[in-house]
C-alpha atoms as a PDB file:
ATOM      1  CA  LYS A   1       9.982 120.559 -24.560  1.00  0.00           C
ATOM      2  CA  THR A   2      10.888 118.967 -21.273  1.00  0.00           C
ATOM      3  CA  ASN A   3       9.467 116.164 -19.153  1.00  0.00           C
ATOM      4  CA  ILE A   4       8.634 116.231 -15.464  1.00  0.00           C
ATOM      5  CA  ASN A   5       8.602 112.782 -13.861  1.00  0.00           C
ATOM      6  CA  PHE A   6       7.008 111.667 -10.613  1.00  0.00           C
ATOM      7  CA  ASN A   7       5.573 108.581  -8.948  1.00  0.00           C
ATOM      8  CA  LEU A   8       2.404 108.109  -6.929  1.00  0.00           C
ATOM      9  CA  LYS A   9       2.195 105.282  -4.409  1.00  0.00           C
ATOM     10  CA  LYS A  10      -1.607 105.635  -4.270  1.00  0.00           C
ATOM     11  CA  SER A  11      -4.377 107.604  -5.965  1.00  0.00           C
ATOM     12  CA  GLU A  12      -3.931 111.272  -5.012  1.00  0.00           C
ATOM     13  CA  ASN A  13      -4.841 114.813  -6.052  1.00  0.00           C
ATOM     14  CA  VAL A  14      -2.001 116.316  -8.087  1.00  0.00           C
ATOM     15  CA  ILE A  15      -1.289 119.899  -9.155  1.00  0.00           C
ATOM     16  CA  LEU A  16       1.684 120.702 -11.370  1.00  0.00           C
ATOM     17  CA  ASN A  17       2.221 124.407 -12.057  1.00  0.00           C
ATOM     18  CA  ILE A  18       4.802 126.306 -14.097  1.00  0.00           C
ATOM     19  CA  TYR A  19       5.954 129.759 -12.894  1.00  0.00           C
ATOM     20  CA  ASP A  20       8.093 132.453 -14.498  1.00  0.00           C
ATOM     21  CA  ILE A  21      11.047 134.127 -12.763  1.00  0.00           C
ATOM     22  CA  SER A  22       8.770 136.721 -11.139  1.00  0.00           C
ATOM     23  CA  GLY A  23       6.657 133.995  -9.525  1.00  0.00           C
ATOM     24  CA  LYS A  24       3.675 134.443 -11.845  1.00  0.00           C
ATOM     25  CA  LYS A  25       1.926 131.191 -12.709  1.00  0.00           C
ATOM     26  CA  VAL A  26       2.108 130.766 -16.488  1.00  0.00           C
ATOM     27  CA  GLU A  27       0.560 127.326 -16.882  1.00  0.00           C
ATOM     28  CA  THR A  28      -1.066 124.455 -15.005  1.00  0.00           C
ATOM     29  CA  LEU A  29      -0.076 121.113 -16.503  1.00  0.00           C
ATOM     30  CA  VAL A  30      -2.037 118.866 -14.120  1.00  0.00           C
ATOM     31  CA  ASN A  31      -4.891 119.589 -11.727  1.00  0.00           C
ATOM     32  CA  LYS A  32      -6.753 116.358 -11.030  1.00  0.00           C
ATOM     33  CA  LYS A  33      -6.790 113.100  -9.135  1.00  0.00           C
ATOM     34  CA  LEU A  34      -4.360 110.574 -10.605  1.00  0.00           C
ATOM     35  CA  SER A  35      -4.091 106.842 -10.017  1.00  0.00           C
ATOM     36  CA  GLN A  36      -1.097 105.057  -8.539  1.00  0.00           C
ATOM     37  CA  GLY A  37       1.836 104.798 -10.929  1.00  0.00           C
ATOM     38  CA  ASP A  38       4.688 106.519 -12.730  1.00  0.00           C
ATOM     39  CA  TYR A  39       4.023 109.731 -14.651  1.00  0.00           C
ATOM     40  CA  LYS A  40       5.943 111.686 -17.261  1.00  0.00           C
ATOM     41  CA  ILE A  41       4.307 115.060 -17.948  1.00  0.00           C
ATOM     42  CA  GLU A  42       5.545 117.020 -20.960  1.00  0.00           C
ATOM     43  CA  TRP A  43       5.820 120.806 -20.900  1.00  0.00           C
ATOM     44  CA  ASN A  44       5.881 122.280 -24.400  1.00  0.00           C
ATOM     45  CA  ALA A  45       7.292 125.791 -23.948  1.00  0.00           C
ATOM     46  CA  ASN A  46       7.051 126.923 -27.590  1.00  0.00           C
ATOM     47  CA  GLN A  47       4.860 129.889 -26.673  1.00  0.00           C
ATOM     48  CA  TYR A  48       7.174 131.182 -23.939  1.00  0.00           C
ATOM     49  CA  SER A  49      10.260 133.333 -24.238  1.00  0.00           C
ATOM     50  CA  SER A  50      13.723 132.253 -23.161  1.00  0.00           C
ATOM     51  CA  GLY A  51      14.382 132.608 -19.450  1.00  0.00           C
ATOM     52  CA  VAL A  52      14.166 130.936 -16.068  1.00  0.00           C
ATOM     53  CA  TYR A  53      11.041 129.030 -15.079  1.00  0.00           C
ATOM     54  CA  PHE A  54      10.111 126.873 -12.112  1.00  0.00           C
ATOM     55  CA  TYR A  55       7.754 123.980 -11.650  1.00  0.00           C
ATOM     56  CA  SER A  56       6.001 123.111  -8.415  1.00  0.00           C
ATOM     57  CA  LEU A  57       4.442 119.714  -7.772  1.00  0.00           C
ATOM     58  CA  TYR A  58       1.731 119.512  -5.115  1.00  0.00           C
ATOM     59  CA  ILE A  59       0.297 116.181  -3.983  1.00  0.00           C
ATOM     60  CA  ASP A  60      -2.770 116.313  -1.762  1.00  0.00           C
ATOM     61  CA  GLY A  61      -2.076 119.989  -1.068  1.00  0.00           C
ATOM     62  CA  LYS A  62       1.542 119.536   0.039  1.00  0.00           C
ATOM     63  CA  LEU A  63       4.492 120.893  -1.918  1.00  0.00           C
ATOM     64  CA  ILE A  64       6.490 117.814  -2.911  1.00  0.00           C
ATOM     65  CA  ASP A  65       8.994 119.189  -5.396  1.00  0.00           C
ATOM     66  CA  SER A  66      10.031 122.484  -6.966  1.00  0.00           C
ATOM     67  CA  LYS A  67      12.811 122.827  -9.513  1.00  0.00           C
ATOM     68  CA  LYS A  68      14.334 125.513 -11.687  1.00  0.00           C
ATOM     69  CA  MET A  69      14.296 125.152 -15.479  1.00  0.00           C
ATOM     70  CA  ILE A  70      16.174 127.258 -18.021  1.00  0.00           C
ATOM     71  CA  LEU A  71      14.463 127.765 -21.373  1.00  0.00           C
ATOM     72  CA  MET A  72      16.822 128.611 -24.224  1.00  0.00           C
ATOM     73  CA  LYS A  73      15.604 129.126 -27.761  1.00  0.00           C
END
């Protein structure tokens, strides 16, 4: 498990996707309008194999953050 943290200064549409090393989307953690505030979204990767993954955070259609994650089991 890992947590992805972000803050919204106002109510906005948020999409948080997880991708594998080949760029294939493996999961969408958030796809909805969220209120202003701090968020901690948990990704439970029990069903995925060890390897490199990426998350991409989009707010109102703009890429805000993308980071690499290494999953080791």
